[in-house]
Each structure stands twice: as structure tokens, then as C-alpha cells.
Protein backbone atom coordinates (compact mmCIF):
# COMPACT_ATOMS: atom_id res chain seq x y z
CA MET A 1 0.00 0.00 0.00
CA ALA A 2 2.77 2.43 0.86
CA ASP A 3 4.31 2.01 -2.61
CA ILE A 4 1.03 2.97 -4.31
CA GLU A 5 0.67 6.03 -2.08
CA GLN A 6 4.23 7.08 -2.89
CA LEU A 7 3.54 6.62 -6.59
CA ARG A 8 0.36 8.68 -6.36
CA ALA A 9 2.16 11.45 -4.50
CA GLY A 10 5.00 11.32 -7.02
CA ILE A 11 2.58 11.52 -9.94
CA GLN A 12 0.73 14.42 -8.35
CA GLN A 13 4.00 16.30 -7.84
CA ALA A 14 5.19 15.56 -11.39
CA VAL A 15 1.91 16.84 -12.85
CA ALA A 16 2.11 19.99 -10.71
CA ASP A 17 5.71 20.54 -11.90
CA SER A 18 4.67 20.02 -15.52
CA GLN A 19 1.81 22.48 -15.19
CA GLN A 20 4.17 25.00 -13.61
CA ARG A 21 6.64 24.65 -16.53
CA ARG A 22 3.81 25.34 -18.96
CA LEU A 23 2.64 28.40 -17.01
CA GLU A 24 6.22 29.73 -16.89
CA PHE A 25 6.57 29.26 -20.66
CA GLU A 26 3.31 31.10 -21.31
CA GLN A 27 4.51 33.93 -19.05
CA GLU A 28 7.82 34.06 -20.97
CA LEU A 29 5.85 34.56 -24.20
CA GLU A 30 3.87 37.40 -22.66
CA ASP A 31 7.11 38.93 -21.35
CA LEU A 32 8.53 38.86 -24.89
CA ARG A 33 5.47 40.72 -26.17
CA LEU A 34 5.78 43.31 -23.41
CA ARG A 35 9.52 43.81 -23.99
CA LEU A 36 8.94 44.46 -27.69
CA ALA A 37 6.17 46.94 -26.85
CA ALA A 38 8.46 48.72 -24.36
CA LEU A 39 11.22 49.08 -26.96
CA GLN A 40 8.73 50.43 -29.48
CA GLN A 41 7.49 52.88 -26.87
CA CYS A 42 11.07 54.11 -26.32
CA VAL A 43 11.51 54.70 -30.04
CA ALA A 44 8.16 56.50 -30.22
CA GLN A 45 9.14 58.76 -27.31
CA TRP A 46 12.52 59.54 -28.88
CA ILE A 47 10.83 60.44 -32.16
CA GLU A 48 8.14 62.51 -30.44
CA SER A 49 10.75 64.42 -28.41
CA LEU A 50 12.19 65.69 -31.71
CA ALA A 51 8.90 67.61 -32.22
CA LEU A 52 8.96 67.04 -35.99
CA GLU A 53 6.06 68.06 -38.20
CA GLY A 54 4.42 65.46 -40.44
CA VAL A 55 5.99 62.40 -38.80
CA GLU A 56 3.62 59.49 -38.32
CA ILE A 57 4.05 56.32 -36.32
CA HIS A 58 2.11 53.28 -37.52
CA TYR A 59 1.72 49.80 -36.08
CA ALA A 60 0.85 46.64 -37.99
CA GLU A 61 -0.02 43.36 -36.35
CA THR A 62 1.92 40.22 -37.09
CA THR A 63 1.31 36.78 -35.64
CA GLN A 64 4.08 34.40 -34.81
CA THR A 65 3.74 30.79 -33.78
CA LEU A 66 5.86 28.46 -31.73
CA THR A 67 5.23 24.80 -30.99
CA ARG A 68 5.99 23.65 -27.50
CA PHE A 69 4.61 20.84 -25.35
CA GLU A 70 2.96 19.46 -28.52
CA GLU A 71 0.83 22.61 -28.75
CA THR A 72 1.02 25.58 -31.05
CA TYR A 73 1.18 28.96 -29.35
CA ARG A 74 0.24 32.08 -31.30
CA LEU A 75 1.37 35.52 -30.23
CA THR A 76 0.26 38.75 -31.87
CA LEU A 77 3.07 41.29 -32.01
CA HIS A 78 3.35 44.75 -33.53
CA GLU A 79 5.68 46.04 -36.21
CA GLN A 80 6.41 49.74 -35.84
CA THR A 81 6.93 52.05 -38.84
CA VAL A 82 7.89 55.69 -38.48
CA SER A 83 7.15 57.68 -41.64
CA MET A 84 9.45 60.68 -42.08
CA GLY A 85 8.94 61.80 -45.66
CA ALA A 86 11.06 59.73 -48.04
CA CYS A 87 12.50 57.71 -45.15
CA LYS A 88 10.59 55.07 -43.23
CA LEU A 89 12.10 53.62 -40.08
CA HIS A 90 11.12 50.05 -39.23
CA LEU A 91 11.30 48.33 -35.86
CA LYS A 92 9.92 44.84 -36.00
CA PRO A 93 10.40 41.43 -34.46
CA GLU A 94 12.55 38.99 -36.40
CA GLU A 95 10.60 36.14 -37.98
CA GLN A 96 11.79 33.80 -35.24
CA TYR A 97 11.41 36.35 -32.45
CA LEU A 98 9.71 33.89 -30.11
CA SER A 99 12.78 31.65 -30.09
CA GLY A 100 15.57 34.11 -30.99
CA HIS A 101 14.37 37.29 -29.24
CA ARG A 102 15.90 39.64 -31.83
CA VAL A 103 14.27 42.83 -33.05
CA LEU A 104 15.25 44.37 -36.39
CA LEU A 105 15.80 48.11 -36.80
CA TYR A 106 16.36 49.56 -40.26
CA ALA A 107 15.38 52.37 -42.59
CA SER A 108 13.94 52.28 -46.09
CA THR A 109 16.77 54.52 -47.30
CA ASP A 110 19.41 51.84 -46.58
CA GLU A 111 17.84 48.40 -46.18
CA ASP A 112 21.27 46.76 -46.23
CA ASP A 113 22.11 48.48 -42.93
CA ILE A 114 19.99 46.38 -40.59
CA LYS A 115 20.57 46.48 -36.87
CA GLU A 116 19.58 43.75 -34.49
CA VAL A 117 18.39 44.90 -31.09
CA VAL A 118 18.41 42.72 -28.00
CA GLU A 119 17.69 43.41 -24.38
CA ALA A 120 20.45 42.40 -22.00
CA GLU A 121 21.63 43.46 -18.57
CA GLY A 122 18.75 45.90 -18.22
CA ALA A 123 19.50 47.85 -21.40
CA TYR A 124 18.77 47.69 -25.10
CA ARG A 125 21.81 46.81 -27.20
CA TYR A 126 22.30 46.81 -30.94
CA SER A 127 24.73 45.60 -33.55
CA ASP A 128 24.84 45.01 -37.27
CA LEU A 129 22.65 42.05 -38.16
CA GLN A 130 24.46 38.80 -38.84
CA TYR A 131 22.09 36.00 -39.75
CA GLY A 132 22.42 32.76 -37.88
CA GLN A 133 25.07 34.03 -35.48
CA ARG A 134 24.84 34.89 -31.84
CA ARG A 135 27.57 37.14 -30.65
CA ASP A 136 29.14 37.98 -27.38
CA LEU A 137 27.41 40.87 -25.64
CA SER A 138 30.64 42.89 -25.80
CA GLN A 139 30.10 43.22 -29.57
CA TYR A 140 26.86 45.14 -29.03
CA ASP A 141 26.58 48.88 -28.37
CA THR A 142 24.05 50.34 -25.97
CA LEU A 143 20.98 51.73 -27.70
CA SER A 144 20.36 55.05 -26.01
CA GLU A 145 18.57 58.17 -27.15
CA GLU A 146 21.86 59.59 -28.44
CA THR A 147 22.90 56.46 -30.35
CA PHE A 148 19.40 56.15 -31.78
CA TYR A 149 19.60 59.72 -33.08
CA ARG A 150 23.03 59.00 -34.62
CA LEU A 151 21.63 55.96 -36.43
CA LEU A 152 18.56 57.89 -37.54
CA TYR A 153 20.62 60.82 -38.82
CA GLY A 154 22.81 58.46 -40.84
CA TRP A 155 19.79 56.78 -42.39
CA LEU A 156 18.14 60.11 -43.18
CA LYS A 157 21.30 61.31 -44.96
CA ALA A 158 21.69 58.07 -46.96
């Protein structure tokens, strides 16, 4: 009898642990959505603080999926586009954002100059995009208001 009780208790604990792992994963997905929204809010604030006439910020929905625990999870994210005359600035999640956590930042005036933005150590960091490669954090620069303006100015002059 004691063996059956131990098995039951073990099964109950294993199920509880499994349910907790699933809840933590679902929370991680929501955290990814919130981090992307926070970065987009920073960019919007930096643009708005320039007090430019005729600049518009648009958002388009995109849905990404990820299969985990034999289930497909769908997460609706936003792509941000800042229209500044002939130049459009894009900030959008990479196609595999849910597993790679990279955000792409680029301008329509120079689509070969794509930056990848990641959040690490409490700050946004950026570097030139290199597909399929993860780099050491030391190869990323901090994305601050000043560095954002430097990037933006370069793209506007291109």
C-alpha cells in the first residue's frame, strides 16, 4: 500500500511541476510581447521628443507561432513604422522572435544596414545584423537616445 501512495504522490507532484513549466513558458511569451512593446514605446518617445512636423508612427499586427509541449502557441506582435517623408524607419520582431528574441531596426533609405536589437543586462543593445550568429554581448553597443539619433541621422542622410 505504501508504494502505491508514494507513486500517487510522485505523480501528483510531477503533474504539478509540468503544469508550472507550462505556465512559466506562457509567461515568458507574454514577457517577450511586453519587452517588444516597451522598446517600441522608447523609439516612439525619442521620435516625439524631436517635435517634428508630419511624422507618423504606424503599427501593424503580425502573428508568430511556436510549438511547445505538442501545442502551437500564437502571439500577436506589432511592427512599428515611423514615416518621415522619403524615409521610413522600421522596428519589427525577427521572424523567429519567439525563439531568438531579436528585433530588427532599419530604414527604407538603406535596407542593407539592418541592426539587431536585443535586451540584456537591463539595457537595449544593438549591432549590425548577422544572420544565424549569436555574438558575445561585448560586440553590441548600448541603444540610447543619443545612439538612436546617430543611427537615424545616418539613415536620413543616406
